[in-house]
């Protein structure tokens, strides 16, 4: 049970890292658009 919980935590962390990376890319894209105007 302990090992399974640890694997779940790792998967949740990976998903969180991917989410943060996507948000960072989105912010970067919107910054570029505001600079052009």
PDB file of N, CA and C in Angstrom:
ATOM      1  N   UNK A   1       0.849  -1.205   0.000  1.00  0.00           N
ATOM      2  CA  UNK A   1       0.000   0.000   0.000  1.00  0.00           C
ATOM      3  C   UNK A   1       0.886   1.256   0.000  1.00  0.00           C
ATOM      4  N   UNK A   2       1.947   1.220   0.800  1.00  0.00           N
ATOM      5  CA  UNK A   2       2.834   2.391   0.878  1.00  0.00           C
ATOM      6  C   UNK A   2       3.460   2.688  -0.480  1.00  0.00           C
ATOM      7  N   UNK A   3       3.919   1.628  -1.152  1.00  0.00           N
ATOM      8  CA  UNK A   3       4.569   1.817  -2.454  1.00  0.00           C
ATOM      9  C   UNK A   3       3.580   2.399  -3.460  1.00  0.00           C
ATOM     10  N   UNK A   4       2.337   1.924  -3.420  1.00  0.00           N
ATOM     11  CA  UNK A   4       1.341   2.407  -4.376  1.00  0.00           C
ATOM     12  C   UNK A   4       1.070   3.894  -4.128  1.00  0.00           C
ATOM     13  N   UNK A   5       0.980   4.289  -2.859  1.00  0.00           N
ATOM     14  CA  UNK A   5       0.743   5.704  -2.546  1.00  0.00           C
ATOM     15  C   UNK A   5       1.901   6.560  -3.051  1.00  0.00           C
ATOM     16  N   UNK A   6       3.110   6.053  -2.901  1.00  0.00           N
ATOM     17  CA  UNK A   6       4.285   6.805  -3.351  1.00  0.00           C
ATOM     18  C   UNK A   6       4.234   6.992  -4.871  1.00  0.00           C
ATOM     19  N   UNK A   7       3.831   5.940  -5.596  1.00  0.00           N
ATOM     20  CA  UNK A   7       3.730   6.046  -7.057  1.00  0.00           C
ATOM     21  C   UNK A   7       2.659   7.063  -7.433  1.00  0.00           C
ATOM     22  N   UNK A   8       1.540   7.061  -6.706  1.00  0.00           N
ATOM     23  CA  UNK A   8       0.466   8.020  -6.984  1.00  0.00           C
ATOM     24  C   UNK A   8       0.982   9.442  -6.790  1.00  0.00           C
ATOM     25  N   UNK A   9       1.734   9.668  -5.714  1.00  0.00           N
ATOM     26  CA  UNK A   9       2.276  11.001  -5.451  1.00  0.00           C
ATOM     27  C   UNK A   9       3.181  11.439  -6.592  1.00  0.00           C
ATOM     28  N   UNK A  10       4.036  10.536  -7.062  1.00  0.00           N
ATOM     29  CA  UNK A  10       4.942  10.874  -8.162  1.00  0.00           C
ATOM     30  C   UNK A  10       4.150  11.251  -9.406  1.00  0.00           C
ATOM     31  N   UNK A  11       3.097  10.501  -9.693  1.00  0.00           N
ATOM     32  CA  UNK A  11       2.293  10.796 -10.882  1.00  0.00           C
ATOM     33  C   UNK A  11       1.619  12.154 -10.728  1.00  0.00           C
ATOM     34  N   UNK A  12       1.125  12.456  -9.527  1.00  0.00           N
ATOM     35  CA  UNK A  12       0.479  13.751  -9.293  1.00  0.00           C
ATOM     36  C   UNK A  12       1.491  14.879  -9.481  1.00  0.00           C
ATOM     37  N   UNK A  13       2.701  14.689  -8.994  1.00  0.00           N
ATOM     38  CA  UNK A  13       3.738  15.719  -9.147  1.00  0.00           C
ATOM     39  C   UNK A  13       4.055  15.934 -10.620  1.00  0.00           C
ATOM     40  N   UNK A  14       4.167  14.843 -11.373  1.00  0.00           N
ATOM     41  CA  UNK A  14       4.454  14.963 -12.810  1.00  0.00           C
ATOM     42  C   UNK A  14       3.345  15.742 -13.501  1.00  0.00           C
ATOM     43  N   UNK A  15       2.090  15.436 -13.168  1.00  0.00           N
ATOM     44  CA  UNK A  15       0.956  16.137 -13.776  1.00  0.00           C
ATOM     45  C   UNK A  15       1.015  17.615 -13.406  1.00  0.00           C
ATOM     46  N   UNK A  16       1.359  17.923 -12.162  1.00  0.00           N
ATOM     47  CA  UNK A  16       1.456  19.312 -11.737  1.00  0.00           C
ATOM     48  C   UNK A  16       2.555  20.047 -12.483  1.00  0.00           C
ATOM     49  N   UNK A  17       3.692  19.394 -12.692  1.00  0.00           N
ATOM     50  CA  UNK A  17       4.801  20.021 -13.425  1.00  0.00           C
ATOM     51  C   UNK A  17       4.378  20.306 -14.859  1.00  0.00           C
ATOM     52  N   UNK A  18       3.698  19.347 -15.493  1.00  0.00           N
ATOM     53  CA  UNK A  18       3.240  19.558 -16.867  1.00  0.00           C
ATOM     54  C   UNK A  18       2.265  20.724 -16.916  1.00  0.00           C
ATOM     55  N   UNK A  19       1.358  20.810 -15.943  1.00  0.00           N
ATOM     56  CA  UNK A  19       0.369  21.891 -15.907  1.00  0.00           C
ATOM     57  C   UNK A  19       1.084  23.231 -15.784  1.00  0.00           C
ATOM     58  N   UNK A  20       2.064  23.316 -14.879  1.00  0.00           N
ATOM     59  CA  UNK A  20       2.795  24.568 -14.694  1.00  0.00           C
ATOM     60  C   UNK A  20       3.524  24.969 -15.972  1.00  0.00           C
ATOM     61  N   UNK A  21       4.103  24.005 -16.667  1.00  0.00           N
ATOM     62  CA  UNK A  21       4.823  24.297 -17.907  1.00  0.00           C
ATOM     63  C   UNK A  21       3.855  24.844 -18.947  1.00  0.00           C
ATOM     64  N   UNK A  22       2.667  24.252 -19.048  1.00  0.00           N
ATOM     65  CA  UNK A  22       1.686  24.730 -20.023  1.00  0.00           C
ATOM     66  C   UNK A  22       1.261  26.149 -19.677  1.00  0.00           C
ATOM     67  N   UNK A  23       1.039  26.434 -18.407  1.00  0.00           N
ATOM     68  CA  UNK A  23       0.630  27.777 -17.995  1.00  0.00           C
ATOM     69  C   UNK A  23       1.739  28.781 -18.307  1.00  0.00           C
ATOM     70  N   UNK A  24       2.984  28.393 -18.090  1.00  0.00           N
ATOM     71  CA  UNK A  24       4.107  29.290 -18.365  1.00  0.00           C
ATOM     72  C   UNK A  24       4.159  29.607 -19.860  1.00  0.00           C
ATOM     73  N   UNK A  25       3.980  28.588 -20.711  1.00  0.00           N
ATOM     74  CA  UNK A  25       3.971  28.815 -22.157  1.00  0.00           C
ATOM     75  C   UNK A  25       2.843  29.764 -22.533  1.00  0.00           C
ATOM     76  N   UNK A  26       1.671  29.573 -21.934  1.00  0.00           N
ATOM     77  CA  UNK A  26       0.508  30.415 -22.253  1.00  0.00           C
ATOM     78  C   UNK A  26       0.795  31.867 -21.866  1.00  0.00           C
ATOM     79  N   UNK A  27       1.371  32.063 -20.682  1.00  0.00           N
ATOM     80  CA  UNK A  27       1.685  33.432 -20.247  1.00  0.00           C
ATOM     81  C   UNK A  27       2.689  34.063 -21.210  1.00  0.00           C
ATOM     82  N   UNK A  28       3.671  33.291 -21.630  1.00  0.00           N
ATOM     83  CA  UNK A  28       4.696  33.796 -22.546  1.00  0.00           C
ATOM     84  C   UNK A  28       4.061  34.221 -23.865  1.00  0.00           C
ATOM     85  N   UNK A  29       3.121  33.404 -24.367  1.00  0.00           N
ATOM     86  CA  UNK A  29       2.443  33.735 -25.626  1.00  0.00           C
ATOM     87  C   UNK A  29       1.655  35.029 -25.481  1.00  0.00           C
ATOM     88  N   UNK A  30       0.920  35.209 -24.394  1.00  0.00           N
ATOM     89  CA  UNK A  30       0.104  36.410 -24.234  1.00  0.00           C
ATOM     90  C   UNK A  30       1.009  37.634 -24.084  1.00  0.00           C
ATOM     91  N   UNK A  31       2.155  37.477 -23.450  1.00  0.00           N
ATOM     92  CA  UNK A  31       3.090  38.601 -23.316  1.00  0.00           C
ATOM     93  C   UNK A  31       3.567  39.052 -24.694  1.00  0.00           C
ATOM     94  N   UNK A  32       3.871  38.106 -25.570  1.00  0.00           N
ATOM     95  CA  UNK A  32       4.321  38.446 -26.922  1.00  0.00           C
ATOM     96  C   UNK A  32       3.243  39.231 -27.658  1.00  0.00           C
ATOM     97  N   UNK A  33       1.989  38.816 -27.523  1.00  0.00           N
ATOM     98  CA  UNK A  33       0.900  39.482 -28.233  1.00  0.00           C
ATOM     99  C   UNK A  33       0.749  40.922 -27.752  1.00  0.00           C
ATOM    100  N   UNK A  34       0.852  41.163 -26.453  1.00  0.00           N
ATOM    101  CA  UNK A  34       0.672  42.521 -25.931  1.00  0.00           C
ATOM    102  C   UNK A  34       1.831  43.421 -26.377  1.00  0.00           C
ATOM    103  N   UNK A  35       3.007  42.853 -26.577  1.00  0.00           N
ATOM    104  CA  UNK A  35       4.149  43.656 -27.034  1.00  0.00           C
ATOM    105  C   UNK A  35       3.942  44.155 -28.461  1.00  0.00           C
ATOM    106  N   UNK A  36       3.285  43.347 -29.296  1.00  0.00           N
ATOM    107  CA  UNK A  36       3.110  43.722 -30.704  1.00  0.00           C
ATOM    108  C   UNK A  36       2.189  44.927 -30.858  1.00  0.00           C
ATOM    109  N   UNK A  37       1.222  45.067 -29.974  1.00  0.00           N
ATOM    110  CA  UNK A  37       0.238  46.149 -30.142  1.00  0.00           C
ATOM    111  C   UNK A  37       0.830  47.520 -29.855  1.00  0.00           C
TER     112      UNK A  37
END
